């Protein structure tokens, strides 16, 4: 009952029509997008995975170096 009243109020105030217009415009813009092919997607995934691994190794190495430097100083 309350949900129906809220929907009726939203319809009366024009919120439903505005949301529908927003949805239609969003779908129209998404149709214009150039989506990657399956091979492009796989290649990008491999590059991102390798990059994350390299950044993780770099962070680990720097952290280890600083750990031993602080330990040496203390």
C-alpha atoms as a PDB file:
ATOM      1  CA  UNK A   1       0.000   0.000   0.000  1.00  0.00           C
ATOM      2  CA  UNK A   2       2.760   2.432   0.988  1.00  0.00           C
ATOM      3  CA  UNK A   3       4.850   1.487  -2.038  1.00  0.00           C
ATOM      4  CA  UNK A   4       1.886   2.108  -4.320  1.00  0.00           C
ATOM      5  CA  UNK A   5       1.292   5.505  -2.741  1.00  0.00           C
ATOM      6  CA  UNK A   6       4.976   6.411  -3.109  1.00  0.00           C
ATOM      7  CA  UNK A   7       4.915   5.364  -6.770  1.00  0.00           C
ATOM      8  CA  UNK A   8       1.737   7.362  -7.391  1.00  0.00           C
ATOM      9  CA  UNK A   9       3.298  10.415  -5.751  1.00  0.00           C
ATOM     10  CA  UNK A  10       6.470  10.012  -7.833  1.00  0.00           C
ATOM     11  CA  UNK A  11       4.355   9.668 -10.986  1.00  0.00           C
ATOM     12  CA  UNK A  12       2.323  12.761 -10.082  1.00  0.00           C
ATOM     13  CA  UNK A  13       5.486  14.846  -9.438  1.00  0.00           C
ATOM     14  CA  UNK A  14       7.020  13.695 -12.738  1.00  0.00           C
ATOM     15  CA  UNK A  15       9.898  11.743 -11.211  1.00  0.00           C
ATOM     16  CA  UNK A  16       9.003   8.558 -13.059  1.00  0.00           C
ATOM     17  CA  UNK A  17       9.015  10.323 -16.440  1.00  0.00           C
ATOM     18  CA  UNK A  18      12.335  12.007 -15.647  1.00  0.00           C
ATOM     19  CA  UNK A  19      13.877   8.691 -14.606  1.00  0.00           C
ATOM     20  CA  UNK A  20      12.581   7.035 -17.756  1.00  0.00           C
ATOM     21  CA  UNK A  21      14.071   9.850 -19.868  1.00  0.00           C
ATOM     22  CA  UNK A  22      17.392   9.466 -18.038  1.00  0.00           C
ATOM     23  CA  UNK A  23      17.316   5.702 -18.619  1.00  0.00           C
ATOM     24  CA  UNK A  24      16.567   6.105 -22.337  1.00  0.00           C
ATOM     25  CA  UNK A  25      19.380   8.628 -22.809  1.00  0.00           C
ATOM     26  CA  UNK A  26      21.806   6.376 -20.928  1.00  0.00           C
ATOM     27  CA  UNK A  27      20.933   3.391 -23.106  1.00  0.00           C
ATOM     28  CA  UNK A  28      21.317   5.532 -26.235  1.00  0.00           C
ATOM     29  CA  UNK A  29      24.807   6.626 -25.171  1.00  0.00           C
ATOM     30  CA  UNK A  30      25.815   3.057 -24.304  1.00  0.00           C
ATOM     31  CA  UNK A  31      24.837   1.944 -27.829  1.00  0.00           C
ATOM     32  CA  UNK A  32      27.343   4.489 -29.188  1.00  0.00           C
ATOM     33  CA  UNK A  33      30.227   3.004 -27.190  1.00  0.00           C
ATOM     34  CA  UNK A  34      32.904   0.979 -28.920  1.00  0.00           C
ATOM     35  CA  UNK A  35      33.056  -2.215 -26.895  1.00  0.00           C
ATOM     36  CA  UNK A  36      36.285  -4.257 -26.940  1.00  0.00           C
ATOM     37  CA  UNK A  37      36.458  -7.591 -28.699  1.00  0.00           C
ATOM     38  CA  UNK A  38      37.019 -10.751 -26.684  1.00  0.00           C
ATOM     39  CA  UNK A  39      40.694 -10.880 -27.716  1.00  0.00           C
ATOM     40  CA  UNK A  40      41.247  -7.225 -26.742  1.00  0.00           C
ATOM     41  CA  UNK A  41      39.604  -7.879 -23.383  1.00  0.00           C
ATOM     42  CA  UNK A  42      41.797 -10.909 -22.692  1.00  0.00           C
ATOM     43  CA  UNK A  43      44.936  -8.966 -23.677  1.00  0.00           C
ATOM     44  CA  UNK A  44      44.038  -6.050 -21.423  1.00  0.00           C
ATOM     45  CA  UNK A  45      43.328  -8.427 -18.541  1.00  0.00           C
ATOM     46  CA  UNK A  46      46.759 -10.018 -18.922  1.00  0.00           C
ATOM     47  CA  UNK A  47      48.459  -6.602 -18.999  1.00  0.00           C
ATOM     48  CA  UNK A  48      46.601  -5.420 -15.889  1.00  0.00           C
ATOM     49  CA  UNK A  49      47.394  -8.660 -14.031  1.00  0.00           C
ATOM     50  CA  UNK A  50      51.102  -8.413 -14.862  1.00  0.00           C
ATOM     51  CA  UNK A  51      51.177  -4.731 -13.900  1.00  0.00           C
ATOM     52  CA  UNK A  52      49.555  -5.440 -10.539  1.00  0.00           C
ATOM     53  CA  UNK A  53      52.077  -8.214  -9.898  1.00  0.00           C
ATOM     54  CA  UNK A  54      55.038  -5.975 -10.766  1.00  0.00           C
ATOM     55  CA  UNK A  55      53.766  -3.125  -8.607  1.00  0.00           C
ATOM     56  CA  UNK A  56      53.215  -5.578  -5.758  1.00  0.00           C
ATOM     57  CA  UNK A  57      56.762  -6.942  -6.077  1.00  0.00           C
ATOM     58  CA  UNK A  58      58.182  -3.410  -6.219  1.00  0.00           C
ATOM     59  CA  UNK A  59      56.226  -2.401  -3.108  1.00  0.00           C
ATOM     60  CA  UNK A  60      57.376  -5.536  -1.279  1.00  0.00           C
ATOM     61  CA  UNK A  61      61.014  -4.917  -2.227  1.00  0.00           C
ATOM     62  CA  UNK A  62      60.948  -1.267  -1.128  1.00  0.00           C
ATOM     63  CA  UNK A  63      59.179  -2.191   2.108  1.00  0.00           C
ATOM     64  CA  UNK A  64      61.769  -4.877   2.838  1.00  0.00           C
ATOM     65  CA  UNK A  65      64.661  -2.488   2.148  1.00  0.00           C
ATOM     66  CA  UNK A  66      63.191   0.157   4.459  1.00  0.00           C
ATOM     67  CA  UNK A  67      62.487  -2.471   7.117  1.00  0.00           C
ATOM     68  CA  UNK A  68      66.124  -3.539   7.194  1.00  0.00           C
ATOM     69  CA  UNK A  69      67.362   0.076   7.073  1.00  0.00           C
ATOM     70  CA  UNK A  70      65.220   1.050  10.067  1.00  0.00           C
ATOM     71  CA  UNK A  71      66.266  -2.111  11.871  1.00  0.00           C
ATOM     72  CA  UNK A  72      69.938  -1.322  11.162  1.00  0.00           C
ATOM     73  CA  UNK A  73      69.556   2.234  12.494  1.00  0.00           C
ATOM     74  CA  UNK A  74      67.625   1.228  15.632  1.00  0.00           C
END
